[in-house]
N, C-alpha and C. Protein backbone atom coordinates (compact mmCIF):
# COMPACT_ATOMS: atom_id res chain seq x y z
N MET A 1 -7.81 12.09 10.95
CA MET A 1 -6.65 11.48 10.86
C MET A 1 -5.64 11.63 12.10
N ASN A 2 -4.83 10.75 12.15
CA ASN A 2 -4.03 11.09 13.50
C ASN A 2 -3.18 12.67 12.89
N VAL A 3 -3.11 13.50 14.06
CA VAL A 3 -2.69 14.58 13.36
C VAL A 3 -1.21 14.73 13.13
N GLU A 4 -0.19 13.66 13.61
CA GLU A 4 0.87 13.68 13.21
C GLU A 4 1.16 13.24 11.83
N ILE A 5 0.34 12.42 11.33
CA ILE A 5 0.25 11.54 9.98
C ILE A 5 -0.03 12.87 9.29
N GLU A 6 -1.15 13.42 9.51
CA GLU A 6 -1.81 14.39 8.63
C GLU A 6 -0.50 15.48 8.44
N GLU A 7 0.23 15.88 9.26
CA GLU A 7 1.14 16.88 9.28
C GLU A 7 2.21 16.52 8.47
N ILE A 8 2.46 14.93 8.59
CA ILE A 8 3.71 14.33 7.78
C ILE A 8 3.36 14.47 6.39
N PHE A 9 2.25 14.04 5.97
CA PHE A 9 1.92 14.06 4.52
C PHE A 9 1.18 15.14 4.03
N ARG A 10 0.89 16.25 4.71
CA ARG A 10 0.52 17.67 4.17
C ARG A 10 0.83 17.95 2.65
N ASN A 11 2.15 18.13 2.44
CA ASN A 11 2.28 18.50 1.05
C ASN A 11 2.89 17.45 0.31
N PHE A 12 2.27 16.14 0.45
CA PHE A 12 3.04 14.92 -0.12
C PHE A 12 2.39 15.43 -1.78
N LYS A 13 3.63 14.86 -2.91
CA LYS A 13 3.22 14.98 -4.04
C LYS A 13 3.65 13.80 -4.62
N ILE A 14 2.81 12.94 -5.44
CA ILE A 14 3.34 11.83 -6.10
C ILE A 14 4.49 12.03 -6.87
N GLU A 15 4.29 13.36 -7.66
CA GLU A 15 5.50 13.69 -8.53
C GLU A 15 7.09 13.83 -7.91
N ASN A 16 7.08 13.98 -6.72
CA ASN A 16 8.15 14.03 -5.93
C ASN A 16 8.72 12.74 -5.74
N CYS A 17 8.17 11.81 -5.63
CA CYS A 17 8.40 10.40 -5.10
C CYS A 17 8.75 9.37 -6.35
N LEU A 18 8.10 9.55 -7.39
CA LEU A 18 8.11 8.65 -8.16
C LEU A 18 9.17 9.21 -9.58
N GLU A 19 9.84 8.15 -10.08
CA GLU A 19 10.66 8.40 -11.31
C GLU A 19 9.53 8.97 -12.54
N LYS A 20 10.24 9.30 -13.53
CA LYS A 20 9.22 10.09 -14.76
C LYS A 20 8.82 8.84 -15.60
N TYR A 21 9.45 7.77 -15.55
CA TYR A 21 8.63 6.75 -16.64
C TYR A 21 7.42 6.39 -15.56
N GLN A 22 7.47 6.22 -14.35
CA GLN A 22 6.52 5.68 -13.53
C GLN A 22 5.34 6.67 -13.71
N LEU A 23 5.74 8.03 -13.41
CA LEU A 23 4.59 9.03 -13.79
C LEU A 23 3.91 8.91 -15.00
N THR A 24 4.57 8.70 -16.09
CA THR A 24 4.19 8.71 -17.50
C THR A 24 3.22 7.44 -17.76
N LEU A 25 3.39 6.44 -16.77
CA LEU A 25 2.72 5.07 -17.18
C LEU A 25 1.35 5.31 -16.19
N ILE A 26 1.52 6.02 -15.18
CA ILE A 26 0.42 6.18 -14.30
C ILE A 26 -0.59 7.55 -15.22
N GLU A 27 0.24 8.49 -15.61
CA GLU A 27 -0.87 9.08 -16.40
C GLU A 27 -1.61 8.52 -17.65
N GLU A 28 -0.62 7.42 -18.44
CA GLU A 28 -1.26 6.90 -19.48
C GLU A 28 -2.31 5.96 -18.99
N MET A 29 -2.38 5.52 -18.00
CA MET A 29 -3.42 4.71 -17.25
C MET A 29 -4.75 5.63 -16.80
N GLN A 30 -4.14 6.69 -16.41
CA GLN A 30 -5.58 7.69 -16.05
C GLN A 30 -6.33 8.21 -17.50
N GLN A 31 -5.35 8.40 -18.31
CA GLN A 31 -6.03 9.01 -19.76
C GLN A 31 -7.00 7.82 -20.20
N ASN A 32 -6.61 6.51 -20.05
CA ASN A 32 -7.17 5.11 -20.37
C ASN A 32 -8.33 5.08 -19.43
N GLY A 33 -8.87 5.71 -18.13
CA GLY A 33 -9.82 5.73 -17.31
C GLY A 33 -9.71 4.89 -16.34
N LEU A 34 -8.62 4.66 -16.10
CA LEU A 34 -8.69 3.52 -14.92
C LEU A 34 -8.44 4.58 -13.70
N ASN A 35 -9.00 3.96 -12.36
CA ASN A 35 -8.95 4.89 -11.22
C ASN A 35 -7.74 4.62 -10.46
N GLU A 36 -7.81 4.95 -9.49
CA GLU A 36 -6.83 5.04 -8.24
C GLU A 36 -6.52 3.20 -8.19
N GLU A 37 -7.50 2.90 -7.57
CA GLU A 37 -7.33 1.29 -7.16
C GLU A 37 -7.06 0.26 -8.51
N GLU A 38 -7.39 0.86 -9.68
CA GLU A 38 -7.16 0.03 -10.95
C GLU A 38 -5.59 0.18 -11.23
N ILE A 39 -5.12 1.20 -10.91
CA ILE A 39 -3.57 1.99 -11.44
C ILE A 39 -2.92 1.04 -10.40
N ILE A 40 -3.22 1.16 -9.08
CA ILE A 40 -2.61 0.39 -8.20
C ILE A 40 -2.46 -1.13 -8.46
N GLN A 41 -3.66 -1.58 -8.69
CA GLN A 41 -3.78 -3.34 -9.14
C GLN A 41 -2.93 -3.43 -10.45
N SER A 42 -2.76 -2.58 -11.24
CA SER A 42 -2.07 -2.97 -12.63
C SER A 42 -0.67 -3.08 -11.95
N PHE A 43 -0.11 -2.49 -10.98
CA PHE A 43 1.41 -2.63 -10.49
C PHE A 43 1.42 -3.95 -9.85
N LEU A 44 0.48 -4.38 -8.94
CA LEU A 44 0.62 -5.57 -8.64
C LEU A 44 0.49 -6.78 -9.74
N MET A 45 0.18 -6.50 -10.76
CA MET A 45 0.17 -7.62 -12.10
C MET A 45 1.48 -7.50 -12.53
N ILE A 46 2.29 -6.43 -12.67
CA ILE A 46 3.38 -6.53 -13.32
C ILE A 46 4.18 -7.61 -13.31
N PRO A 47 4.53 -8.36 -12.12
CA PRO A 47 5.46 -9.64 -11.85
C PRO A 47 4.68 -10.75 -12.90
N ASN A 48 3.28 -10.80 -12.86
CA ASN A 48 2.95 -12.02 -13.25
C ASN A 48 2.95 -11.76 -14.94
N GLN A 49 3.47 -10.52 -15.54
CA GLN A 49 3.71 -10.58 -16.87
C GLN A 49 4.75 -11.70 -17.32
N LYS A 50 4.51 -12.59 -18.53
CA LYS A 50 5.15 -13.68 -18.75
C LYS A 50 6.31 -13.40 -19.42
N ASN A 51 6.60 -12.08 -19.94
CA ASN A 51 8.06 -11.86 -20.33
C ASN A 51 8.94 -11.21 -19.63
N MET A 52 8.62 -11.08 -18.28
CA MET A 52 9.60 -10.60 -17.23
C MET A 52 9.95 -11.86 -16.35
N GLN A 53 11.31 -11.30 -16.14
CA GLN A 53 12.17 -12.23 -15.11
C GLN A 53 12.23 -11.33 -13.66
N THR A 54 11.88 -12.31 -12.67
CA THR A 54 12.17 -11.37 -11.24
C THR A 54 13.72 -11.47 -11.35
N LEU A 55 13.95 -10.55 -9.93
CA LEU A 55 15.47 -10.46 -9.69
C LEU A 55 16.00 -11.84 -9.35
N GLY A 56 17.06 -12.48 -9.63
CA GLY A 56 17.53 -13.99 -9.30
C GLY A 56 17.14 -14.84 -10.15
N GLY A 57 16.21 -14.32 -11.06
CA GLY A 57 15.60 -15.40 -12.06
C GLY A 57 14.58 -16.39 -11.53
N GLY A 58 13.99 -16.13 -10.43
CA GLY A 58 13.05 -16.92 -9.79
C GLY A 58 11.69 -17.20 -10.60
N LYS A 59 10.73 -17.71 -10.11
CA LYS A 59 9.47 -17.95 -11.10
C LYS A 59 8.86 -16.35 -10.79
N ASN A 60 8.13 -15.95 -11.79
CA ASN A 60 7.59 -15.00 -12.12
C ASN A 60 5.80 -14.73 -11.61
N THR A 61 5.75 -15.13 -10.41
CA THR A 61 4.16 -15.32 -9.77
C THR A 61 4.19 -14.33 -8.72
N LEU A 62 3.10 -13.48 -8.37
CA LEU A 62 2.83 -12.77 -7.10
C LEU A 62 1.43 -13.01 -6.47
N ASN A 63 1.54 -14.05 -5.71
CA ASN A 63 0.26 -14.19 -4.93
C ASN A 63 -0.16 -13.45 -3.89
N ILE A 64 -0.39 -12.06 -4.21
CA ILE A 64 -0.89 -11.38 -3.17
C ILE A 64 -1.90 -10.48 -3.73
N THR A 65 -3.09 -9.92 -2.86
CA THR A 65 -3.91 -9.03 -3.37
C THR A 65 -3.75 -7.81 -3.09
N LEU A 66 -4.38 -6.83 -3.67
CA LEU A 66 -4.40 -5.40 -3.18
C LEU A 66 -5.02 -5.04 -2.00
N ASP A 67 -5.97 -6.14 -1.39
CA ASP A 67 -6.51 -6.07 -0.35
C ASP A 67 -5.56 -6.05 1.01
N VAL A 68 -4.76 -7.16 0.66
CA VAL A 68 -3.48 -7.86 1.42
C VAL A 68 -2.50 -6.47 1.43
N VAL A 69 -2.36 -5.90 0.36
CA VAL A 69 -1.19 -4.77 0.67
C VAL A 69 -1.83 -3.47 1.38
N LYS A 70 -3.02 -3.17 1.05
CA LYS A 70 -3.74 -2.20 1.63
C LYS A 70 -3.75 -2.44 3.18
N LYS A 71 -4.12 -3.31 3.69
CA LYS A 71 -4.59 -3.97 5.01
C LYS A 71 -2.96 -3.44 5.80
N GLU A 72 -1.98 -4.06 5.08
CA GLU A 72 -0.66 -4.22 5.85
C GLU A 72 -0.13 -2.56 5.79
N PHE A 73 -0.35 -1.97 4.72
CA PHE A 73 -0.02 -0.52 4.60
C PHE A 73 -0.88 0.40 5.55
N PHE A 74 -2.08 0.32 5.77
CA PHE A 74 -2.76 0.95 7.03
C PHE A 74 -2.37 0.19 8.26
N GLU A 75 -2.17 -0.70 8.39
CA GLU A 75 -1.73 -1.27 9.66
C GLU A 75 -0.37 -0.71 10.19
N LEU A 76 0.60 -0.36 9.06
CA LEU A 76 1.96 0.13 9.36
C LEU A 76 1.63 1.81 9.91
N ILE A 77 0.82 2.55 9.00
CA ILE A 77 0.42 3.97 9.25
C ILE A 77 -0.49 4.16 10.46
N CYS A 78 -1.45 3.31 10.58
CA CYS A 78 -2.35 3.64 11.37
C CYS A 78 -2.38 2.69 12.59
N GLY A 79 -2.08 1.66 12.61
CA GLY A 79 -2.47 0.39 13.54
C GLY A 79 -1.09 0.57 14.72
N ASP A 80 -1.26 -0.38 15.59
CA ASP A 80 -0.57 -0.70 16.53
C ASP A 80 0.40 -1.57 16.32
N LYS A 81 0.23 -2.25 15.39
CA LYS A 81 1.08 -3.54 15.20
C LYS A 81 2.59 -3.44 14.73
N TYR A 82 2.67 -2.21 13.95
CA TYR A 82 4.02 -1.54 13.75
C TYR A 82 4.56 -0.22 14.16
N ALA A 83 3.85 -0.04 15.35
CA ALA A 83 4.40 1.37 16.01
C ALA A 83 5.73 1.83 16.27
N THR A 84 6.59 0.81 16.44
CA THR A 84 7.94 1.36 16.59
C THR A 84 8.74 1.48 15.48
N GLU A 85 8.16 0.54 14.24
CA GLU A 85 8.79 0.63 12.81
C GLU A 85 8.45 2.23 12.43
N ARG A 86 7.02 2.37 12.50
CA ARG A 86 6.61 3.49 11.91
C ARG A 86 7.22 4.74 12.27
N GLN A 87 7.30 4.73 13.58
CA GLN A 87 8.22 5.90 14.32
C GLN A 87 9.58 6.05 13.75
N LYS A 88 10.38 5.18 13.41
CA LYS A 88 11.46 5.15 12.97
C LYS A 88 11.28 5.83 11.38
N ILE A 89 10.68 5.12 10.80
CA ILE A 89 10.18 5.48 9.12
C ILE A 89 9.64 7.07 9.24
N PHE A 90 8.89 7.69 9.94
CA PHE A 90 8.55 8.83 10.20
C PHE A 90 9.53 10.07 10.82
N ASP A 91 10.81 9.33 11.35
CA ASP A 91 11.42 10.20 11.50
C ASP A 91 12.36 10.70 10.40
N SER A 92 12.11 10.18 9.27
CA SER A 92 12.62 10.50 7.94
C SER A 92 12.22 12.15 8.01
N LYS A 93 13.02 12.79 6.88
CA LYS A 93 12.98 14.17 6.66
C LYS A 93 12.21 14.33 5.36
N THR A 94 11.95 13.47 4.43
CA THR A 94 11.54 13.71 3.12
C THR A 94 10.40 12.84 2.72
N HIS A 95 9.54 13.17 2.07
CA HIS A 95 8.24 12.04 1.77
C HIS A 95 9.03 10.85 0.94
N LYS A 96 10.25 10.99 0.28
CA LYS A 96 10.66 9.97 -0.44
C LYS A 96 11.27 9.03 0.57
N ALA A 97 12.08 9.54 1.37
CA ALA A 97 12.84 8.78 2.56
C ALA A 97 11.45 8.05 3.05
N ILE A 98 10.52 8.67 3.50
CA ILE A 98 9.29 8.02 4.32
C ILE A 98 8.68 7.18 3.50
N THR A 99 8.30 7.11 1.99
CA THR A 99 7.82 6.13 1.09
C THR A 99 8.76 5.01 0.80
N THR A 100 10.01 5.28 0.98
CA THR A 100 10.93 4.07 0.84
C THR A 100 11.22 3.41 2.19
N GLY A 101 10.80 4.11 3.27
CA GLY A 101 10.93 3.23 4.59
C GLY A 101 9.85 2.10 4.66
N ILE A 102 8.43 2.87 4.20
CA ILE A 102 7.32 2.00 4.43
C ILE A 102 7.51 0.93 3.44
N THR A 103 8.14 1.20 2.06
CA THR A 103 8.18 0.16 1.06
C THR A 103 9.21 -0.83 1.63
N THR A 104 10.33 -0.35 2.06
CA THR A 104 11.29 -1.43 2.87
C THR A 104 10.53 -2.55 3.96
N LYS A 105 9.92 -1.96 4.67
CA LYS A 105 9.21 -2.65 5.82
C LYS A 105 8.06 -3.60 5.09
N LEU A 106 7.45 -3.39 4.39
CA LEU A 106 6.20 -3.91 4.00
C LEU A 106 6.87 -4.87 2.91
N SER A 107 7.72 -4.69 2.08
CA SER A 107 8.35 -5.76 1.23
C SER A 107 8.95 -6.89 2.11
N LEU A 108 9.38 -6.89 3.06
CA LEU A 108 9.78 -8.00 3.99
C LEU A 108 8.45 -8.77 4.29
N VAL A 109 7.46 -7.98 4.78
CA VAL A 109 6.66 -8.26 5.30
C VAL A 109 5.51 -9.41 4.28
N LEU A 110 5.58 -8.75 3.34
CA LEU A 110 4.58 -9.06 2.12
C LEU A 110 5.26 -10.07 1.02
N SER A 111 6.65 -10.12 1.27
CA SER A 111 7.41 -10.65 0.31
C SER A 111 7.29 -10.28 -1.28
N ILE A 112 7.38 -8.92 -1.13
CA ILE A 112 7.34 -8.29 -2.71
C ILE A 112 8.35 -7.52 -2.93
N GLU A 113 8.98 -7.81 -3.96
CA GLU A 113 10.25 -6.82 -4.58
C GLU A 113 10.22 -5.36 -4.10
N GLN A 114 10.93 -4.65 -3.77
CA GLN A 114 10.59 -3.04 -3.20
C GLN A 114 10.41 -2.54 -4.64
N ALA A 115 11.21 -2.79 -5.89
CA ALA A 115 10.69 -2.22 -7.32
C ALA A 115 9.23 -2.29 -7.57
N ILE A 116 8.67 -3.17 -7.13
CA ILE A 116 7.30 -3.53 -7.64
C ILE A 116 6.44 -2.70 -6.54
N LEU A 117 6.65 -2.91 -5.26
CA LEU A 117 5.89 -2.28 -4.24
C LEU A 117 6.05 -0.81 -4.17
N TYR A 118 7.06 -0.04 -4.28
CA TYR A 118 7.24 1.45 -4.11
C TYR A 118 6.26 2.10 -4.81
N PRO A 119 6.10 2.22 -6.32
CA PRO A 119 5.23 2.91 -6.60
C PRO A 119 3.55 2.49 -5.99
N ILE A 120 3.17 1.41 -5.64
CA ILE A 120 1.90 1.29 -4.90
C ILE A 120 1.92 1.80 -3.54
N ILE A 121 2.91 1.93 -3.13
CA ILE A 121 3.03 2.62 -1.41
C ILE A 121 2.68 4.44 -1.98
N VAL A 122 3.58 4.75 -2.79
CA VAL A 122 3.41 6.22 -3.18
C VAL A 122 2.16 6.64 -3.48
N LEU A 123 1.04 5.28 -4.58
CA LEU A 123 -0.10 5.73 -4.79
C LEU A 123 -1.35 5.25 -3.54
N LEU A 124 -0.89 4.71 -2.84
CA LEU A 124 -1.67 4.40 -1.45
C LEU A 124 -1.62 5.77 -0.61
N ILE A 125 -0.73 6.73 -0.39
CA ILE A 125 -0.47 7.71 0.44
C ILE A 125 -1.75 8.51 0.06
N PRO A 126 -2.12 9.15 -1.34
CA PRO A 126 -3.29 9.84 -1.61
C PRO A 126 -4.46 9.43 -0.92
N LEU A 127 -4.56 7.92 -1.02
CA LEU A 127 -5.88 7.30 -0.42
C LEU A 127 -5.86 7.23 1.35
N LEU A 128 -4.80 7.24 1.65
CA LEU A 128 -4.91 7.48 3.29
C LEU A 128 -5.16 8.86 3.43
N ARG A 129 -4.64 10.10 2.91
CA ARG A 129 -4.88 11.31 3.23
C ARG A 129 -6.55 11.10 2.78
N LYS A 130 -7.07 10.96 1.61
CA LYS A 130 -8.57 10.71 1.69
C LYS A 130 -9.44 10.28 2.67
N PHE A 131 -9.05 9.02 3.19
CA PHE A 131 -9.75 8.43 3.86
C PHE A 131 -9.57 8.45 5.38
N GLY A 132 -8.19 8.70 5.78
CA GLY A 132 -7.76 8.71 7.22
C GLY A 132 -7.72 7.45 7.91
N CYS A 133 -6.81 7.50 8.80
CA CYS A 133 -6.65 6.42 9.78
C CYS A 133 -8.12 6.05 10.68
N GLU A 134 -9.00 6.65 10.96
CA GLU A 134 -10.15 6.37 11.73
C GLU A 134 -11.11 5.96 10.93
N SER A 135 -11.00 6.13 9.46
CA SER A 135 -11.93 5.51 8.79
C SER A 135 -11.60 4.03 8.29
N TYR A 136 -10.10 3.96 8.41
CA TYR A 136 -9.60 2.66 8.14
C TYR A 136 -9.96 1.78 8.95
N LYS A 137 -9.86 2.29 10.55
CA LYS A 137 -10.04 1.49 11.82
C LYS A 137 -11.56 1.24 11.80
N THR A 138 -12.31 1.91 11.53
CA THR A 138 -13.64 1.58 11.57
C THR A 138 -14.22 0.62 10.64
N VAL A 139 -13.72 0.62 9.42
CA VAL A 139 -13.75 -0.44 8.53
C VAL A 139 -13.55 -1.77 8.66
N GLN A 140 -11.91 -1.50 9.32
CA GLN A 140 -11.44 -2.92 9.60
C GLN A 140 -12.25 -3.71 10.83
N THR A 141 -12.70 -2.79 11.64
CA THR A 141 -13.31 -3.28 13.20
C THR A 141 -14.90 -4.05 12.46
N GLU A 142 -15.31 -3.39 11.61
CA GLU A 142 -16.61 -3.81 10.88
C GLU A 142 -16.19 -5.19 10.20
N LEU A 143 -15.27 -5.17 9.67
CA LEU A 143 -15.11 -6.64 8.67
C LEU A 143 -14.54 -7.50 9.59
N GLU A 144 -14.09 -7.38 10.68
CA GLU A 144 -13.72 -8.34 11.77
C GLU A 144 -14.72 -8.70 12.42
N ASN A 145 -15.88 -7.92 12.56
CA ASN A 145 -16.94 -7.99 13.62
C ASN A 145 -18.02 -9.36 12.38
N GLN A 146 -17.96 -8.76 11.09
CA GLN A 146 -18.73 -9.57 10.06
C GLN A 146 -17.93 -11.00 9.83
N LYS A 147 -16.66 -11.03 9.93
CA LYS A 147 -16.10 -12.44 9.99
C LYS A 147 -16.34 -13.19 11.17
N ILE A 148 -16.16 -12.65 12.49
CA ILE A 148 -16.62 -13.18 13.59
C ILE A 148 -18.32 -13.90 13.16
N SER A 149 -19.08 -13.00 12.86
CA SER A 149 -20.19 -13.33 12.74
C SER A 149 -20.38 -14.63 11.80
N LEU A 150 -20.04 -14.21 10.71
CA LEU A 150 -19.90 -15.56 9.92
C LEU A 150 -19.57 -16.80 10.14
N ILE A 151 -18.32 -16.75 10.87
CA ILE A 151 -17.68 -18.16 11.46
C ILE A 151 -18.88 -18.63 12.56
N SER A 152 -19.22 -17.49 13.51
CA SER A 152 -20.33 -18.27 14.45
C SER A 152 -21.81 -18.77 13.84
N ASP A 153 -21.99 -18.48 12.75
CA ASP A 153 -23.10 -18.69 11.94
C ASP A 153 -22.79 -20.24 11.15
N ASN A 154 -21.65 -20.14 10.57
CA ASN A 154 -21.21 -21.27 10.15
C ASN A 154 -21.11 -22.74 11.03
N ASN A 155 -20.69 -22.32 12.26
CA ASN A 155 -20.33 -23.17 13.33
C ASN A 155 -21.72 -23.55 13.76
N ASN A 156 -22.85 -23.10 13.73
CA ASN A 156 -23.89 -23.25 14.25
C ASN A 156 -24.81 -24.01 13.01
N ASP A 157 -24.61 -24.36 12.02
CA ASP A 157 -25.08 -25.10 10.90
C ASP A 157 -25.02 -26.88 11.40
């Protein structure tokens, strides 16, 4: 992992960034056997609940996948696409400020309300620490190579 990023998230604790009710919800999901990705996915499903209204009273649908969120998250943290924004975000002094900055940027990119996206971002930080930027870049390169190969194969048919 990039040394700067490793240093920034060295003492990261989810409980320092989330509200008590969010932590309680996550603990309940863990007790029910959900893993990290399933918990994150459940936060993406929240806007799709029939009894909830979005801010501004708009339609209550979210057409975005966890893969898209993870891709943009890792691009922001590890890639070149958002290097300028990343540096501004990482100039913040606390993990809560950093996760808020990440959420603010990605909520604009992904068109997801910050209230929905914030716990997802907080939960992605431990995955970032676990796998690191280099692993992410390797996987993305491999996926792109497979995609190019599939496109080439389909064009030859």
